[in-house]
């Protein structure tokens, strides 16, 4: 459950949205959004579709079954890689590109 909340909050942050702005723009009632972020509730299937459409991502990404590009995540990802992924997801798109370019160059060494 925490993974959805973390991903949802990161999507809000990346898009410079508050919960109330998201609710108004998505058509999902504000109390429902607060229920996800403050009361540990999970969105139903229809809400997941609305969230995925709003943020142009997949439902699998919201459930942390795939990364943002649709690649399946392995069930046994080492802790260090999980930590790197969490840091990476906090970056804006420009910094993500810098990190990918750096990784590509370092992997060629």
C-alpha atoms as a PDB file:
ATOM      1  CA  UNK A   1       0.000   0.000   0.000  1.00  0.00           C
ATOM      2  CA  UNK A   2       2.793   2.408   0.851  1.00  0.00           C
ATOM      3  CA  UNK A   3       4.173   2.021  -2.652  1.00  0.00           C
ATOM      4  CA  UNK A   4       1.019   3.512  -4.218  1.00  0.00           C
ATOM      5  CA  UNK A   5       1.048   6.414  -1.774  1.00  0.00           C
ATOM      6  CA  UNK A   6       4.748   7.084  -2.435  1.00  0.00           C
ATOM      7  CA  UNK A   7       4.288   6.971  -6.205  1.00  0.00           C
ATOM      8  CA  UNK A   8       1.139   9.107  -6.090  1.00  0.00           C
ATOM      9  CA  UNK A   9       2.799  11.732  -3.879  1.00  0.00           C
ATOM     10  CA  UNK A  10       5.835  11.817  -6.182  1.00  0.00           C
ATOM     11  CA  UNK A  11       3.581  12.324  -9.202  1.00  0.00           C
ATOM     12  CA  UNK A  12       1.872  15.206  -7.422  1.00  0.00           C
ATOM     13  CA  UNK A  13       5.245  16.741  -6.546  1.00  0.00           C
ATOM     14  CA  UNK A  14       6.685  16.265 -10.049  1.00  0.00           C
ATOM     15  CA  UNK A  15       3.648  18.005 -11.515  1.00  0.00           C
ATOM     16  CA  UNK A  16       3.593  20.772  -8.890  1.00  0.00           C
ATOM     17  CA  UNK A  17       0.119  19.778  -7.719  1.00  0.00           C
ATOM     18  CA  UNK A  18      -1.541  19.801  -4.342  1.00  0.00           C
ATOM     19  CA  UNK A  19      -4.118  17.185  -3.444  1.00  0.00           C
ATOM     20  CA  UNK A  20      -6.880  19.754  -3.900  1.00  0.00           C
ATOM     21  CA  UNK A  21      -5.589  20.870  -7.326  1.00  0.00           C
ATOM     22  CA  UNK A  22      -5.357  17.251  -8.438  1.00  0.00           C
ATOM     23  CA  UNK A  23      -8.892  16.565  -7.195  1.00  0.00           C
ATOM     24  CA  UNK A  24     -10.295  19.582  -9.025  1.00  0.00           C
ATOM     25  CA  UNK A  25      -8.467  18.807 -12.264  1.00  0.00           C
ATOM     26  CA  UNK A  26      -9.091  15.039 -12.268  1.00  0.00           C
ATOM     27  CA  UNK A  27     -12.710  15.053 -11.148  1.00  0.00           C
ATOM     28  CA  UNK A  28     -11.906  12.755  -8.230  1.00  0.00           C
ATOM     29  CA  UNK A  29     -13.476  14.078  -5.013  1.00  0.00           C
ATOM     30  CA  UNK A  30     -11.007  15.714  -2.627  1.00  0.00           C
ATOM     31  CA  UNK A  31     -12.076  13.560   0.367  1.00  0.00           C
ATOM     32  CA  UNK A  32     -11.261  10.472  -1.709  1.00  0.00           C
ATOM     33  CA  UNK A  33      -7.757  11.778  -2.465  1.00  0.00           C
ATOM     34  CA  UNK A  34      -7.233  12.598   1.224  1.00  0.00           C
ATOM     35  CA  UNK A  35      -8.327   9.053   2.052  1.00  0.00           C
ATOM     36  CA  UNK A  36      -5.496   7.664  -0.062  1.00  0.00           C
ATOM     37  CA  UNK A  37      -2.803   9.975   1.238  1.00  0.00           C
ATOM     38  CA  UNK A  38      -3.769  10.339   4.891  1.00  0.00           C
ATOM     39  CA  UNK A  39      -5.924   7.393   5.866  1.00  0.00           C
ATOM     40  CA  UNK A  40      -4.227   4.471   4.130  1.00  0.00           C
ATOM     41  CA  UNK A  41      -7.048   3.734   1.710  1.00  0.00           C
ATOM     42  CA  UNK A  42      -6.396   2.464  -1.788  1.00  0.00           C
ATOM     43  CA  UNK A  43      -8.108   3.732  -4.940  1.00  0.00           C
ATOM     44  CA  UNK A  44     -10.653   1.518  -6.654  1.00  0.00           C
ATOM     45  CA  UNK A  45     -10.171   0.339 -10.222  1.00  0.00           C
ATOM     46  CA  UNK A  46     -12.001   3.289 -11.808  1.00  0.00           C
ATOM     47  CA  UNK A  47      -9.927   5.769  -9.776  1.00  0.00           C
ATOM     48  CA  UNK A  48      -6.705   3.978 -10.797  1.00  0.00           C
ATOM     49  CA  UNK A  49      -7.672   4.416 -14.435  1.00  0.00           C
ATOM     50  CA  UNK A  50      -8.386   8.117 -13.875  1.00  0.00           C
ATOM     51  CA  UNK A  51      -5.045   8.597 -12.083  1.00  0.00           C
ATOM     52  CA  UNK A  52      -3.131   6.734 -14.804  1.00  0.00           C
ATOM     53  CA  UNK A  53      -4.843   8.750 -17.537  1.00  0.00           C
ATOM     54  CA  UNK A  54      -4.250  12.010 -15.688  1.00  0.00           C
ATOM     55  CA  UNK A  55      -0.518  11.384 -15.218  1.00  0.00           C
ATOM     56  CA  UNK A  56      -0.057   9.540 -18.536  1.00  0.00           C
ATOM     57  CA  UNK A  57       1.279   6.415 -16.844  1.00  0.00           C
ATOM     58  CA  UNK A  58       0.163   2.821 -16.503  1.00  0.00           C
ATOM     59  CA  UNK A  59      -1.816   1.232 -13.701  1.00  0.00           C
ATOM     60  CA  UNK A  60       1.107  -1.183 -13.334  1.00  0.00           C
ATOM     61  CA  UNK A  61       3.378   1.796 -12.628  1.00  0.00           C
ATOM     62  CA  UNK A  62       0.997   3.055  -9.940  1.00  0.00           C
ATOM     63  CA  UNK A  63       1.069  -0.416  -8.361  1.00  0.00           C
ATOM     64  CA  UNK A  64       4.873  -0.519  -8.680  1.00  0.00           C
ATOM     65  CA  UNK A  65       4.694  -3.577 -10.928  1.00  0.00           C
ATOM     66  CA  UNK A  66       6.595  -1.788 -13.691  1.00  0.00           C
ATOM     67  CA  UNK A  67       8.859   1.222 -13.931  1.00  0.00           C
ATOM     68  CA  UNK A  68       7.687   4.381 -15.664  1.00  0.00           C
ATOM     69  CA  UNK A  69       8.710   2.972 -19.060  1.00  0.00           C
ATOM     70  CA  UNK A  70       6.697  -0.231 -18.662  1.00  0.00           C
ATOM     71  CA  UNK A  71       9.585  -2.537 -17.784  1.00  0.00           C
ATOM     72  CA  UNK A  72       8.616  -5.210 -15.288  1.00  0.00           C
ATOM     73  CA  UNK A  73      10.230  -4.861 -11.897  1.00  0.00           C
ATOM     74  CA  UNK A  74      11.806  -7.978 -10.494  1.00  0.00           C
ATOM     75  CA  UNK A  75      10.449  -9.222  -7.205  1.00  0.00           C
ATOM     76  CA  UNK A  76      13.897  -9.562  -5.645  1.00  0.00           C
ATOM     77  CA  UNK A  77      15.492  -6.212  -6.380  1.00  0.00           C
ATOM     78  CA  UNK A  78      18.508  -5.764  -4.080  1.00  0.00           C
ATOM     79  CA  UNK A  79      18.034  -3.156  -1.358  1.00  0.00           C
ATOM     80  CA  UNK A  80      20.719  -0.864  -2.791  1.00  0.00           C
ATOM     81  CA  UNK A  81      18.977  -0.787  -6.166  1.00  0.00           C
ATOM     82  CA  UNK A  82      15.627  -0.091  -4.516  1.00  0.00           C
ATOM     83  CA  UNK A  83      17.212   2.851  -2.706  1.00  0.00           C
ATOM     84  CA  UNK A  84      18.664   4.196  -5.958  1.00  0.00           C
ATOM     85  CA  UNK A  85      15.256   3.895  -7.588  1.00  0.00           C
ATOM     86  CA  UNK A  86      13.629   5.881  -4.775  1.00  0.00           C
ATOM     87  CA  UNK A  87      16.219   8.663  -5.143  1.00  0.00           C
ATOM     88  CA  UNK A  88      15.839   8.616  -8.923  1.00  0.00           C
ATOM     89  CA  UNK A  89      12.057   8.991  -8.699  1.00  0.00           C
ATOM     90  CA  UNK A  90      12.497  12.144  -6.626  1.00  0.00           C
ATOM     91  CA  UNK A  91      14.457  13.846  -9.425  1.00  0.00           C
ATOM     92  CA  UNK A  92      12.929  16.128 -12.025  1.00  0.00           C
ATOM     93  CA  UNK A  93      13.029  15.025 -15.660  1.00  0.00           C
ATOM     94  CA  UNK A  94      16.183  17.018 -16.497  1.00  0.00           C
ATOM     95  CA  UNK A  95      18.138  15.445 -13.648  1.00  0.00           C
ATOM     96  CA  UNK A  96      16.819  11.988 -14.553  1.00  0.00           C
ATOM     97  CA  UNK A  97      18.240  12.471 -18.037  1.00  0.00           C
ATOM     98  CA  UNK A  98      21.601  13.504 -16.564  1.00  0.00           C
ATOM     99  CA  UNK A  99      21.668  10.384 -14.395  1.00  0.00           C
ATOM    100  CA  UNK A 100      20.771   8.108 -17.313  1.00  0.00           C
ATOM    101  CA  UNK A 101      23.499   9.666 -19.459  1.00  0.00           C
ATOM    102  CA  UNK A 102      26.032   9.307 -16.651  1.00  0.00           C
ATOM    103  CA  UNK A 103      25.077   5.665 -16.116  1.00  0.00           C
ATOM    104  CA  UNK A 104      25.384   4.970 -19.820  1.00  0.00           C
ATOM    105  CA  UNK A 105      28.870   6.505 -19.929  1.00  0.00           C
ATOM    106  CA  UNK A 106      30.000   4.718 -16.770  1.00  0.00           C
ATOM    107  CA  UNK A 107      28.768   1.362 -18.072  1.00  0.00           C
ATOM    108  CA  UNK A 108      30.975   1.727 -21.175  1.00  0.00           C
ATOM    109  CA  UNK A 109      34.147   2.063 -19.098  1.00  0.00           C
END
